[in-house]
N, C-alpha and C. Protein backbone atom coordinates (compact mmCIF):
# COMPACT_ATOMS: atom_id res chain seq x y z
N MET A 1 29.58 -20.25 -5.85
CA MET A 1 29.66 -21.40 -6.73
C MET A 1 30.92 -21.25 -7.58
N ALA A 2 31.81 -22.17 -7.51
CA ALA A 2 33.04 -22.11 -8.29
C ALA A 2 32.83 -22.83 -9.63
N ILE A 3 33.27 -22.15 -10.68
CA ILE A 3 33.23 -22.78 -12.01
C ILE A 3 34.58 -22.56 -12.67
N TRP A 4 35.13 -23.56 -13.14
CA TRP A 4 36.43 -23.53 -13.79
C TRP A 4 37.42 -22.66 -13.04
N ARG A 5 37.46 -21.36 -13.32
CA ARG A 5 38.46 -20.52 -12.66
C ARG A 5 37.86 -19.25 -12.07
N ASP A 6 36.60 -18.97 -12.32
CA ASP A 6 35.94 -17.77 -11.82
C ASP A 6 34.79 -18.14 -10.90
N PHE A 7 34.16 -17.12 -10.37
CA PHE A 7 32.99 -17.32 -9.53
C PHE A 7 31.76 -16.70 -10.20
N VAL A 8 30.62 -17.28 -9.95
CA VAL A 8 29.36 -16.67 -10.33
C VAL A 8 28.47 -16.66 -9.09
N TYR A 9 27.53 -15.75 -9.07
CA TYR A 9 26.61 -15.61 -7.95
C TYR A 9 25.20 -15.89 -8.44
N VAL A 10 24.45 -16.61 -7.64
CA VAL A 10 23.11 -17.00 -8.02
C VAL A 10 22.13 -16.47 -6.98
N ALA A 11 21.07 -15.80 -7.45
CA ALA A 11 20.00 -15.34 -6.57
C ALA A 11 18.75 -16.13 -6.92
N PHE A 12 18.09 -16.64 -5.89
CA PHE A 12 16.87 -17.42 -6.09
C PHE A 12 15.68 -16.67 -5.52
N VAL A 13 14.54 -16.78 -6.17
CA VAL A 13 13.27 -16.28 -5.64
C VAL A 13 12.50 -17.51 -5.19
N ILE A 14 12.14 -17.52 -3.90
CA ILE A 14 11.48 -18.68 -3.32
C ILE A 14 10.06 -18.31 -2.92
N ASP A 15 9.10 -19.13 -3.32
CA ASP A 15 7.71 -18.92 -2.96
C ASP A 15 7.58 -19.14 -1.45
N VAL A 16 7.02 -18.15 -0.76
CA VAL A 16 6.92 -18.22 0.69
C VAL A 16 6.03 -19.37 1.15
N TYR A 17 4.97 -19.62 0.45
CA TYR A 17 4.03 -20.66 0.85
C TYR A 17 4.59 -22.07 0.60
N SER A 18 4.98 -22.33 -0.63
CA SER A 18 5.38 -23.69 -0.99
C SER A 18 6.88 -23.92 -0.86
N ARG A 19 7.64 -22.86 -0.74
CA ARG A 19 9.11 -22.93 -0.69
C ARG A 19 9.73 -23.41 -2.00
N CYS A 20 8.96 -23.40 -3.07
CA CYS A 20 9.50 -23.75 -4.38
C CYS A 20 10.30 -22.58 -4.93
N ILE A 21 11.33 -22.88 -5.68
CA ILE A 21 12.07 -21.84 -6.38
C ILE A 21 11.24 -21.44 -7.59
N VAL A 22 10.86 -20.17 -7.66
CA VAL A 22 10.01 -19.70 -8.75
C VAL A 22 10.78 -18.83 -9.74
N GLY A 23 12.03 -18.54 -9.43
CA GLY A 23 12.85 -17.76 -10.34
C GLY A 23 14.29 -17.76 -9.87
N TRP A 24 15.19 -17.45 -10.78
CA TRP A 24 16.59 -17.37 -10.41
C TRP A 24 17.34 -16.51 -11.42
N ARG A 25 18.51 -16.05 -10.99
CA ARG A 25 19.34 -15.25 -11.87
C ARG A 25 20.80 -15.47 -11.51
N VAL A 26 21.66 -15.46 -12.49
CA VAL A 26 23.10 -15.67 -12.29
C VAL A 26 23.82 -14.40 -12.72
N SER A 27 24.86 -14.04 -11.97
CA SER A 27 25.66 -12.87 -12.31
C SER A 27 27.12 -13.17 -12.00
N ASN A 28 28.02 -12.48 -12.68
CA ASN A 28 29.44 -12.67 -12.39
C ASN A 28 29.94 -11.66 -11.37
N SER A 29 29.03 -10.82 -10.83
CA SER A 29 29.41 -9.87 -9.78
C SER A 29 28.36 -9.90 -8.68
N LEU A 30 28.77 -9.49 -7.52
CA LEU A 30 27.88 -9.50 -6.37
C LEU A 30 27.33 -8.10 -6.13
N LYS A 31 26.75 -7.52 -7.16
CA LYS A 31 26.14 -6.20 -7.04
C LYS A 31 24.73 -6.34 -6.51
N SER A 32 24.23 -5.28 -5.90
CA SER A 32 22.90 -5.35 -5.30
C SER A 32 21.79 -5.50 -6.34
N ASP A 33 22.05 -5.08 -7.57
CA ASP A 33 20.97 -5.19 -8.57
C ASP A 33 20.60 -6.65 -8.85
N LEU A 34 21.47 -7.57 -8.54
CA LEU A 34 21.14 -8.99 -8.70
C LEU A 34 19.93 -9.34 -7.85
N ALA A 35 19.91 -8.93 -6.62
CA ALA A 35 18.80 -9.23 -5.71
C ALA A 35 17.67 -8.23 -5.81
N LEU A 36 18.00 -6.93 -6.20
CA LEU A 36 16.96 -5.91 -6.19
C LEU A 36 15.90 -6.12 -7.22
N GLU A 37 16.47 -6.49 -8.85
CA GLU A 37 15.62 -6.68 -10.00
C GLU A 37 14.51 -7.63 -9.66
N TRP A 38 14.90 -8.92 -8.74
CA TRP A 38 13.94 -9.95 -8.34
C TRP A 38 12.97 -9.44 -7.30
N VAL A 39 13.43 -8.56 -6.37
CA VAL A 39 12.52 -7.97 -5.38
C VAL A 39 11.46 -7.14 -6.11
N TRP A 40 11.88 -6.34 -7.09
CA TRP A 40 10.92 -5.53 -7.85
C TRP A 40 9.95 -6.44 -8.59
N TRP A 41 10.47 -7.48 -9.23
CA TRP A 41 9.60 -8.40 -9.97
C TRP A 41 8.59 -9.05 -9.04
N PHE A 42 9.03 -9.52 -7.89
CA PHE A 42 8.13 -10.19 -6.96
C PHE A 42 7.04 -9.24 -6.48
N ASN A 43 7.40 -8.00 -6.16
CA ASN A 43 6.43 -7.04 -5.63
C ASN A 43 5.48 -6.48 -6.67
N HIS A 44 5.93 -6.38 -7.92
CA HIS A 44 5.13 -5.69 -8.94
C HIS A 44 4.59 -6.59 -10.05
N ARG A 45 5.12 -7.79 -10.19
CA ARG A 45 4.69 -8.64 -11.31
C ARG A 45 4.16 -10.01 -10.88
N ARG A 46 4.67 -10.54 -9.78
CA ARG A 46 4.30 -11.91 -9.34
C ARG A 46 2.86 -11.94 -8.89
N LEU A 47 2.09 -12.83 -9.47
CA LEU A 47 0.68 -12.99 -9.11
C LEU A 47 0.58 -14.01 -7.99
N LEU A 48 -0.01 -13.61 -6.88
CA LEU A 48 -0.08 -14.47 -5.71
C LEU A 48 -1.51 -14.94 -5.44
N GLU A 49 -1.68 -16.24 -5.34
CA GLU A 49 -3.00 -16.82 -5.12
C GLU A 49 -3.69 -16.30 -3.85
N PRO A 50 -2.99 -16.22 -2.70
CA PRO A 50 -3.69 -15.80 -1.47
C PRO A 50 -4.28 -14.39 -1.53
N ILE A 51 -3.81 -13.58 -2.45
CA ILE A 51 -4.34 -12.22 -2.56
C ILE A 51 -5.00 -12.00 -3.92
N SER A 52 -5.77 -12.97 -4.32
CA SER A 52 -6.60 -12.90 -5.54
C SER A 52 -5.80 -12.77 -6.84
N TYR A 53 -4.67 -13.40 -6.89
CA TYR A 53 -3.85 -13.42 -8.10
C TYR A 53 -3.49 -12.03 -8.60
N ILE A 54 -3.08 -11.16 -7.69
CA ILE A 54 -2.56 -9.85 -8.07
C ILE A 54 -1.20 -9.67 -7.39
N PRO A 55 -0.36 -8.76 -7.91
CA PRO A 55 0.95 -8.53 -7.29
C PRO A 55 0.80 -7.87 -5.91
N PRO A 56 1.75 -8.11 -5.01
CA PRO A 56 1.68 -7.51 -3.68
C PRO A 56 1.57 -5.99 -3.69
N ALA A 57 2.28 -5.30 -4.56
CA ALA A 57 2.21 -3.84 -4.60
C ALA A 57 0.81 -3.36 -4.97
N GLU A 58 0.16 -4.05 -5.89
CA GLU A 58 -1.20 -3.69 -6.28
C GLU A 58 -2.18 -3.94 -5.13
N TYR A 59 -1.98 -5.03 -4.42
CA TYR A 59 -2.83 -5.36 -3.28
C TYR A 59 -2.70 -4.30 -2.18
N GLU A 60 -1.47 -3.89 -1.90
CA GLU A 60 -1.23 -2.87 -0.88
C GLU A 60 -1.84 -1.53 -1.30
N GLU A 61 -1.70 -1.17 -2.55
CA GLU A 61 -2.28 0.08 -3.05
C GLU A 61 -3.80 0.06 -2.90
N ALA A 62 -4.43 -1.04 -3.23
CA ALA A 62 -5.88 -1.17 -3.10
C ALA A 62 -6.30 -1.08 -1.64
N PHE A 63 -5.51 -1.66 -0.74
CA PHE A 63 -5.80 -1.60 0.69
C PHE A 63 -5.82 -0.15 1.17
N TYR A 64 -4.78 0.60 0.85
CA TYR A 64 -4.71 2.00 1.30
C TYR A 64 -5.79 2.86 0.65
N HIS A 65 -6.11 2.57 -0.59
CA HIS A 65 -7.19 3.30 -1.25
C HIS A 65 -8.51 3.06 -0.53
N GLN A 66 -8.76 1.80 -0.14
CA GLN A 66 -9.99 1.47 0.58
C GLN A 66 -10.02 2.15 1.95
N GLN A 67 -8.88 2.24 2.61
CA GLN A 67 -8.80 2.91 3.91
C GLN A 67 -9.20 4.38 3.77
N LYS A 68 -8.69 5.04 2.74
CA LYS A 68 -9.03 6.45 2.50
C LYS A 68 -10.51 6.60 2.20
N THR A 69 -11.05 5.71 1.39
CA THR A 69 -12.47 5.75 1.05
C THR A 69 -13.33 5.55 2.29
N ASP A 70 -12.96 4.59 3.13
CA ASP A 70 -13.72 4.32 4.36
C ASP A 70 -13.70 5.53 5.30
N ARG A 71 -12.54 6.20 5.43
CA ARG A 71 -12.45 7.38 6.28
C ARG A 71 -13.30 8.52 5.74
N LEU A 72 -13.26 8.71 4.44
CA LEU A 72 -14.06 9.76 3.82
C LEU A 72 -15.54 9.49 4.02
N ASP A 73 -15.97 8.25 3.84
CA ASP A 73 -17.38 7.88 4.06
C ASP A 73 -17.78 8.14 5.50
N ALA A 74 -16.90 7.84 6.45
CA ALA A 74 -17.20 8.04 7.87
C ALA A 74 -17.37 9.52 8.19
N VAL A 75 -16.56 10.36 7.57
CA VAL A 75 -16.64 11.81 7.80
C VAL A 75 -17.92 12.38 7.19
N LEU A 76 -18.28 11.92 6.00
CA LEU A 76 -19.44 12.46 5.30
C LEU A 76 -20.76 11.93 5.87
N ASN A 77 -20.75 10.81 6.54
CA ASN A 77 -21.98 10.25 7.08
C ASN A 77 -22.05 10.54 8.51
């Protein structure tokens, strides 16, 4: 995006289901932290309806915890 005499870079976070833009950030450099800070936010803070309004990282952690519990129950029974 050109503005006056310099460039700025814009990163958008798009909801996978609705394709709505749910967040954005502007930077004057094309460093990876522009896209990384939003990846972290989406994985650790964004509440998603399809997975009971919890962040994806929390959902994944609960899944693996349940897998371990199920295996332990199978061994003990």
